[in-house]
Amino acid sequence: MSPPSTNTNIIITGAGGFIGQALAAALLTDPSSSITTLTLTDIIEPPSPVLTPSTHTTTTKIRCIKADLTDKKTCDALFTSDLTTVYLLHGLMSGAAEANLDLGLRVNVDSTRTILDILRKIKPGGIQVIFPSSLAVFGPSSDPTTTTTTTTHNNNNNQIITESTIPRPSSSYGAEKLICEILLSDFSRRGLLDGRIVRLPTIIVRPGLPSGAASSFCSGIIREPLSGQRTELPVSKDLELWVCSTRTIVANLIHAMRFPQEMFKDRSVSRVINLPGITVTVGEMLRALKEVGGESALALVEEKRDVDVERIVGSWPARFDTLKAKDFGFVPDGDLKETIRNYIEDYGTSLVVPPAS
């Protein structure tokens, strides 16, 4: 199957979330896109993306559907043979999945298995499935024979993670993501689906309310102060993180749909790609907040350690080799100050932020 160009029928699950909304808006306003139908679905009916009059020139049919993807009959009605591309963005986030094992399995594993089974049977080999996975598939100890080491401190024994590093998740969320990675990889190996598995860094800055993710504080320590609200920092300032901006994540999710399937012509090539990001410490994030938002924003961050959050997030690696992503044409991320200013431009702030010098 070639990259979608004409008569493209796309569905985005979990489309009520901010990434789903940003992805939908980017697809609709991209002049190189030619989408016939874009379906947005979530457990609560997702809104149609907000498009400005100057960019709203699309002739795409947009459908917004409330759907419980843990129900097979609902999935049978939703995932039909006219689909060309499926973005599987739905899921129960890391902290919530750790707190409720059964719900995490239903949402993160069972529903995904149901959807993949439907897709592989209704149109074998003809549907592209983009599955955003997570760095949470890795844990605090990985096979040293499949990593490169540096002398710089990080969370994972100074390892630089590659696609060959053995995943050893230390959370239910990471385990659930890994299960789906393996399943989609096998269906793709068999030629039943065109799977593209992209492991996302921690995304900053997420708009809206705090999520159920253990990494929610990564956005909260920037988002809340920029809105004049107090927030808590549950981890050490020395903790290193692998992060990426919303704009770069969205651009790379679109690219995941576009690169040719011939890149996987050799079936020994893994369907998994570690997406680009940057390695930062929490302290560096706070310094960027101060530089952009001023001392008044920084003063709203209160240190209050949470051992559970620190255990989960501290088990995630912070350094990745993204050479494969570069070879596949994915774009790198910018620096922290650029990320924060882009967030302010895209989502606004209640603080008076000085212009960039």
Protein backbone atom coordinates (compact mmCIF):
# COMPACT_ATOMS: atom_id res chain seq x y z
CA MET A 1 0.00 0.00 0.00
CA SER A 2 1.38 3.42 -0.96
CA PRO A 3 1.19 6.49 1.31
CA PRO A 4 -2.36 7.87 1.35
CA SER A 5 -2.91 10.53 -1.30
CA THR A 6 -6.43 10.47 -2.71
CA ASN A 7 -9.70 9.03 -1.43
CA THR A 8 -8.13 8.79 2.00
CA ASN A 9 -10.45 7.71 4.78
CA ILE A 10 -8.90 8.22 8.23
CA ILE A 11 -10.13 7.44 11.72
CA ILE A 12 -8.54 8.79 14.91
CA THR A 13 -9.43 7.07 18.17
CA GLY A 14 -8.98 8.99 21.41
CA ALA A 15 -9.68 12.07 19.30
CA GLY A 16 -11.09 14.07 22.20
CA GLY A 17 -7.61 14.38 23.66
CA PHE A 18 -5.38 17.29 22.81
CA ILE A 19 -3.09 15.27 20.53
CA GLY A 20 -6.08 13.89 18.65
CA GLN A 21 -7.48 17.38 18.21
CA ALA A 22 -4.13 18.83 17.16
CA LEU A 23 -3.54 15.96 14.73
CA ALA A 24 -6.99 16.33 13.18
CA ALA A 25 -6.55 20.08 12.73
CA ALA A 26 -3.10 19.60 11.19
CA LEU A 27 -4.39 16.98 8.75
CA LEU A 28 -7.28 19.19 7.69
CA THR A 29 -5.15 22.30 7.15
CA ASP A 30 -2.22 20.59 5.45
CA PRO A 31 -2.35 21.59 1.76
CA SER A 32 -0.66 18.32 0.77
CA SER A 33 -3.40 16.25 2.39
CA SER A 34 -6.31 14.89 0.36
CA ILE A 35 -8.70 13.35 2.87
CA THR A 36 -12.15 12.26 1.84
CA THR A 37 -13.46 11.42 5.31
CA LEU A 38 -11.99 12.06 8.76
CA THR A 39 -13.68 10.26 11.65
CA LEU A 40 -12.96 11.34 15.21
CA THR A 41 -14.07 9.04 18.00
CA ASP A 42 -13.74 8.90 21.78
CA ILE A 43 -15.62 7.70 24.85
CA ILE A 44 -17.23 11.17 24.90
CA GLU A 45 -18.15 12.66 21.53
CA PRO A 46 -15.07 14.63 20.47
CA PRO A 47 -15.44 18.17 19.13
CA SER A 48 -14.68 19.01 15.55
CA PRO A 49 -11.25 20.67 15.30
CA VAL A 50 -11.26 24.45 15.54
CA LEU A 51 -10.12 25.87 12.22
CA THR A 52 -9.74 29.54 11.41
CA PRO A 53 -11.61 30.90 8.37
CA SER A 54 -8.31 31.50 6.59
CA THR A 55 -7.32 27.83 6.88
CA HIS A 56 -10.72 26.18 6.70
CA THR A 57 -10.74 25.34 3.00
CA THR A 58 -11.14 21.62 3.43
CA THR A 59 -13.81 19.65 1.62
CA THR A 60 -13.22 16.70 3.94
CA LYS A 61 -16.28 15.12 5.52
CA ILE A 62 -15.75 15.24 9.29
CA ARG A 63 -17.56 12.80 11.57
CA CYS A 64 -17.43 13.05 15.38
CA ILE A 65 -18.66 9.89 17.07
CA LYS A 66 -19.07 8.86 20.70
CA ALA A 67 -17.92 5.25 20.98
CA ASP A 68 -16.93 2.73 23.64
CA LEU A 69 -14.10 0.82 21.97
CA THR A 70 -14.24 -1.93 24.58
CA ASP A 71 -17.54 -3.01 22.97
CA LYS A 72 -17.03 -5.27 19.94
CA LYS A 73 -20.35 -4.40 18.25
CA THR A 74 -19.39 -0.73 18.39
CA CYS A 75 -16.03 -1.51 16.83
CA ASP A 76 -17.59 -3.64 14.09
CA ALA A 77 -19.78 -0.70 13.08
CA LEU A 78 -16.97 1.84 13.25
CA PHE A 79 -14.06 0.09 11.55
CA THR A 80 -15.13 -0.66 8.00
CA SER A 81 -13.41 -1.77 4.80
CA ASP A 82 -13.38 1.72 3.27
CA LEU A 83 -10.79 2.87 5.81
CA THR A 84 -7.27 3.55 4.61
CA THR A 85 -5.55 4.79 7.80
CA VAL A 86 -6.25 4.26 11.50
CA TYR A 87 -4.59 6.26 14.28
CA LEU A 88 -4.94 4.40 17.59
CA LEU A 89 -4.63 7.25 20.10
CA HIS A 90 -7.08 6.00 22.71
CA GLY A 91 -5.86 4.60 26.01
CA LEU A 92 -5.75 4.73 29.79
CA MET A 93 -2.69 6.70 30.84
CA SER A 94 0.21 5.40 32.91
CA GLY A 95 -0.83 6.43 36.42
CA ALA A 96 -4.45 5.39 35.90
CA ALA A 97 -3.44 2.08 34.30
CA GLU A 98 -1.21 1.34 37.28
CA ALA A 99 -4.03 2.12 39.71
CA ASN A 100 -6.62 -0.03 37.91
CA LEU A 101 -5.15 -3.12 36.26
CA ASP A 102 -8.42 -4.54 34.90
CA LEU A 103 -9.53 -1.27 33.32
CA GLY A 104 -6.07 -0.73 31.84
CA LEU A 105 -6.15 -4.17 30.24
CA ARG A 106 -9.64 -3.60 28.79
CA VAL A 107 -8.83 -0.20 27.34
CA ASN A 108 -5.18 -0.55 26.40
CA VAL A 109 -5.02 -4.20 25.31
CA ASP A 110 -8.43 -5.77 24.73
CA SER A 111 -9.89 -2.91 22.70
CA THR A 112 -6.75 -2.65 20.58
CA ARG A 113 -6.78 -6.41 19.93
CA THR A 114 -10.44 -6.20 18.92
CA ILE A 115 -9.77 -3.35 16.49
CA LEU A 116 -6.71 -5.00 14.92
CA ASP A 117 -8.60 -8.28 14.48
CA ILE A 118 -11.42 -6.46 12.68
CA LEU A 119 -9.05 -4.54 10.42
CA ARG A 120 -6.96 -7.56 9.41
CA LYS A 121 -10.08 -9.51 8.45
CA ILE A 122 -12.12 -6.89 6.58
CA LYS A 123 -9.29 -5.75 4.31
CA PRO A 124 -6.18 -7.94 4.68
CA GLY A 125 -3.03 -5.96 3.97
CA GLY A 126 -4.93 -2.87 2.92
CA ILE A 127 -5.18 -0.73 6.04
CA GLN A 128 -2.47 1.38 7.56
CA VAL A 129 -2.39 1.36 11.38
CA ILE A 130 -0.39 3.99 13.24
CA PHE A 131 0.13 3.00 16.85
CA PRO A 132 1.69 5.59 19.17
CA SER A 133 3.56 3.57 21.77
CA SER A 134 5.61 4.89 24.66
CA LEU A 135 9.06 5.00 26.22
CA ALA A 136 7.29 3.34 29.16
CA VAL A 137 7.92 -0.04 27.46
CA PHE A 138 11.42 0.26 28.91
CA GLY A 139 12.29 -0.15 32.58
CA PRO A 140 15.21 0.59 34.87
CA SER A 141 17.30 -2.37 33.70
CA SER A 142 17.77 -3.44 30.10
CA ASP A 143 20.14 -5.77 28.32
CA PRO A 144 23.55 -4.01 28.27
CA THR A 145 24.53 -5.84 25.09
CA THR A 146 21.91 -3.91 23.08
CA THR A 147 22.70 -0.37 24.28
CA THR A 148 25.45 2.17 24.08
CA THR A 149 26.72 3.79 27.28
CA THR A 150 27.91 7.27 28.13
CA THR A 151 29.57 8.75 31.18
CA THR A 152 26.66 11.13 31.71
CA HIS A 153 24.09 10.34 34.38
CA ASN A 154 20.62 9.29 33.29
CA ASN A 155 17.76 7.16 34.61
CA ASN A 156 18.68 3.89 32.92
CA ASN A 157 22.26 3.00 33.86
CA ASN A 158 23.68 5.52 31.37
CA GLN A 159 22.14 3.63 28.47
CA ILE A 160 21.29 5.03 25.08
CA ILE A 161 18.17 3.21 23.93
CA THR A 162 17.82 1.89 20.39
CA GLU A 163 15.04 -0.06 18.70
CA SER A 164 17.05 -3.20 19.51
CA THR A 165 17.09 -2.57 23.24
CA ILE A 166 15.05 -5.24 25.03
CA PRO A 167 11.91 -3.66 26.54
CA ARG A 168 11.41 -4.51 30.23
CA PRO A 169 8.49 -2.35 31.37
CA SER A 170 8.17 -1.57 35.07
CA SER A 171 4.53 -0.43 34.88
CA SER A 172 1.29 -1.98 33.67
CA TYR A 173 0.93 0.80 31.11
CA GLY A 174 4.32 0.01 29.61
CA ALA A 175 3.51 -3.71 29.55
CA GLU A 176 0.19 -3.04 27.83
CA LYS A 177 1.84 -0.88 25.18
CA LEU A 178 4.45 -3.57 24.55
CA ILE A 179 1.79 -6.26 24.13
CA CYS A 180 0.13 -4.18 21.41
CA GLU A 181 3.47 -3.45 19.73
CA ILE A 182 4.17 -7.17 19.41
CA LEU A 183 0.69 -7.97 18.14
CA LEU A 184 0.71 -5.26 15.47
CA SER A 185 4.25 -6.21 14.44
CA ASP A 186 3.19 -9.82 13.92
CA PHE A 187 0.10 -8.87 11.91
CA SER A 188 2.33 -6.65 9.76
CA ARG A 189 4.91 -9.44 9.32
CA ARG A 190 2.10 -11.63 8.03
CA GLY A 191 1.03 -8.92 5.56
CA LEU A 192 -2.36 -8.49 7.26
CA LEU A 193 -1.84 -4.83 8.23
CA ASP A 194 0.58 -2.03 7.46
CA GLY A 195 1.60 -1.22 11.03
CA ARG A 196 3.72 1.80 11.96
CA ILE A 197 4.67 1.76 15.65
CA VAL A 198 6.08 5.05 16.89
CA ARG A 199 7.35 5.33 20.46
CA LEU A 200 6.54 8.80 21.71
CA PRO A 201 8.65 10.76 24.17
CA THR A 202 6.89 12.49 27.06
CA ILE A 203 4.88 15.29 25.43
CA ILE A 204 5.21 18.85 26.71
CA VAL A 205 3.30 21.07 27.13
CA ARG A 206 -0.13 19.40 27.32
CA PRO A 207 -2.98 21.94 27.54
CA GLY A 208 -6.02 21.55 29.77
CA LEU A 209 -6.36 19.78 33.09
CA PRO A 210 -3.81 17.33 34.56
CA SER A 211 -4.14 13.83 33.09
CA GLY A 212 -3.89 10.40 34.67
CA ALA A 213 -0.36 10.01 33.36
CA ALA A 214 2.48 9.64 35.86
CA SER A 215 4.31 12.19 33.73
CA SER A 216 1.49 14.73 34.01
CA PHE A 217 3.69 16.98 36.14
CA CYS A 218 6.04 17.50 33.16
CA SER A 219 3.40 19.73 31.61
CA GLY A 220 1.91 20.89 34.90
CA ILE A 221 5.09 22.59 36.11
CA ILE A 222 4.95 24.79 33.00
CA ARG A 223 1.25 25.02 32.16
CA GLU A 224 -0.08 25.92 35.60
CA PRO A 225 2.48 28.65 36.39
CA LEU A 226 1.88 30.22 32.98
CA SER A 227 -1.80 30.41 33.99
CA GLY A 228 -0.96 31.96 37.33
CA GLN A 229 -1.74 28.76 39.25
CA ARG A 230 0.33 26.92 41.84
CA THR A 231 1.56 23.42 41.05
CA GLU A 232 3.53 20.65 42.70
CA LEU A 233 6.80 19.08 41.56
CA PRO A 234 6.76 15.41 42.66
CA VAL A 235 10.28 14.44 41.54
CA SER A 236 13.89 15.53 41.92
CA LYS A 237 15.12 18.46 39.83
CA ASP A 238 17.99 16.22 38.76
CA LEU A 239 15.67 13.68 37.11
CA GLU A 240 16.33 13.39 33.39
CA LEU A 241 13.46 13.08 30.92
CA TRP A 242 13.05 12.32 27.22
CA VAL A 243 10.56 14.93 26.00
CA CYS A 244 9.16 16.41 22.81
CA SER A 245 6.91 19.34 21.90
CA THR A 246 3.34 18.95 20.72
CA ARG A 247 4.08 20.50 17.33
CA THR A 248 6.88 18.03 16.61
CA ILE A 249 4.83 15.05 17.80
CA VAL A 250 1.95 16.02 15.49
CA ALA A 251 4.27 16.57 12.52
CA ASN A 252 5.82 13.16 13.07
CA LEU A 253 2.47 11.42 13.48
CA ILE A 254 1.48 12.78 10.07
CA HIS A 255 4.80 11.66 8.62
CA ALA A 256 4.17 8.17 10.00
CA MET A 257 1.25 7.98 7.57
CA ARG A 258 3.25 9.25 4.61
CA PHE A 259 6.51 7.40 4.30
CA PRO A 260 6.26 4.55 1.78
CA GLN A 261 5.55 1.00 2.89
CA GLU A 262 8.57 -0.02 0.83
CA MET A 263 10.68 1.11 3.80
CA PHE A 264 9.55 -2.18 5.35
CA LYS A 265 10.08 -4.26 2.20
CA ASP A 266 12.64 -6.29 4.08
CA ARG A 267 10.37 -7.96 6.63
CA SER A 268 13.26 -8.24 9.05
CA VAL A 269 13.07 -4.45 9.50
CA SER A 270 11.29 -3.70 12.78
CA ARG A 271 8.00 -1.83 12.61
CA VAL A 272 9.04 0.07 15.74
CA ILE A 273 10.56 3.56 15.54
CA ASN A 274 11.77 5.64 18.50
CA LEU A 275 10.61 9.17 17.67
CA PRO A 276 12.96 12.14 18.15
CA GLY A 277 13.01 14.10 21.39
CA ILE A 278 15.47 15.88 23.63
CA THR A 279 17.04 14.91 26.96
CA VAL A 280 16.44 17.47 29.70
CA THR A 281 16.50 17.59 33.47
CA VAL A 282 13.53 18.86 35.44
CA GLY A 283 15.79 21.68 36.61
CA GLU A 284 16.41 22.71 33.00
CA MET A 285 12.67 22.76 32.39
CA LEU A 286 12.22 25.09 35.37
CA ARG A 287 15.00 27.38 34.13
CA ALA A 288 13.29 27.57 30.73
CA LEU A 289 10.01 28.40 32.51
CA LYS A 290 11.77 31.24 34.35
CA GLU A 291 13.35 32.57 31.15
CA VAL A 292 10.03 32.64 29.32
CA GLY A 293 7.53 33.32 32.12
CA GLY A 294 9.69 35.15 34.60
CA GLU A 295 10.45 34.72 38.28
CA SER A 296 6.74 35.03 39.15
CA ALA A 297 5.95 31.88 37.17
CA LEU A 298 8.79 29.89 38.73
CA ALA A 299 7.68 30.89 42.23
CA LEU A 300 4.39 29.01 41.69
CA VAL A 301 6.17 25.63 41.56
CA GLU A 302 6.32 23.88 44.94
CA GLU A 303 8.51 20.82 45.52
CA LYS A 304 6.51 17.93 47.01
CA ARG A 305 7.98 14.51 46.35
CA ASP A 306 5.72 11.60 45.38
CA VAL A 307 7.57 8.29 45.60
CA ASP A 308 5.09 6.46 43.35
CA VAL A 309 5.35 9.02 40.55
CA GLU A 310 9.13 9.16 40.92
CA ARG A 311 9.38 5.37 40.78
CA ILE A 312 7.40 5.12 37.53
CA VAL A 313 8.87 8.10 35.70
CA GLY A 314 12.35 7.47 37.08
CA SER A 315 12.33 4.00 35.50
CA TRP A 316 11.94 5.46 32.00
CA PRO A 317 15.09 6.01 29.95
CA ALA A 318 16.09 9.53 29.02
CA ARG A 319 18.49 8.99 26.13
CA PHE A 320 17.59 7.53 22.75
CA ASP A 321 19.42 6.85 19.51
CA THR A 322 16.99 8.17 16.87
CA LEU A 323 19.08 7.42 13.78
CA LYS A 324 16.37 5.14 12.41
CA ALA A 325 13.78 7.91 12.81
CA LYS A 326 16.08 10.28 10.93
CA ASP A 327 16.56 7.73 8.15
CA PHE A 328 12.77 7.42 7.87
CA GLY A 329 12.42 11.20 7.56
CA PHE A 330 11.03 12.13 10.97
CA VAL A 331 11.84 15.66 12.15
CA PRO A 332 13.87 16.60 15.25
CA ASP A 333 12.54 18.71 18.12
CA GLY A 334 13.55 22.24 19.13
CA ASP A 335 14.77 23.55 22.48
CA LEU A 336 12.73 24.03 25.67
CA LYS A 337 12.21 27.77 25.35
CA GLU A 338 10.91 27.34 21.81
CA THR A 339 8.56 24.60 23.03
CA ILE A 340 7.16 26.83 25.78
CA ARG A 341 6.70 29.81 23.46
CA ASN A 342 4.97 27.59 20.89
CA TYR A 343 2.62 26.35 23.62
CA ILE A 344 1.76 29.96 24.53
CA GLU A 345 1.16 30.79 20.87
CA ASP A 346 -1.06 27.74 20.35
CA TYR A 347 -2.98 27.66 23.64
CA GLY A 348 -2.50 31.03 25.32
CA THR A 349 -1.54 32.08 28.86
CA SER A 350 -2.87 34.43 31.49
CA LEU A 351 0.58 35.80 32.29
CA VAL A 352 2.22 38.69 30.49
CA VAL A 353 5.12 36.95 28.80
CA PRO A 354 7.91 39.07 27.36
CA PRO A 355 8.67 38.58 23.68
CA ALA A 356 11.62 36.42 22.70
CA SER A 357 14.84 38.37 22.48
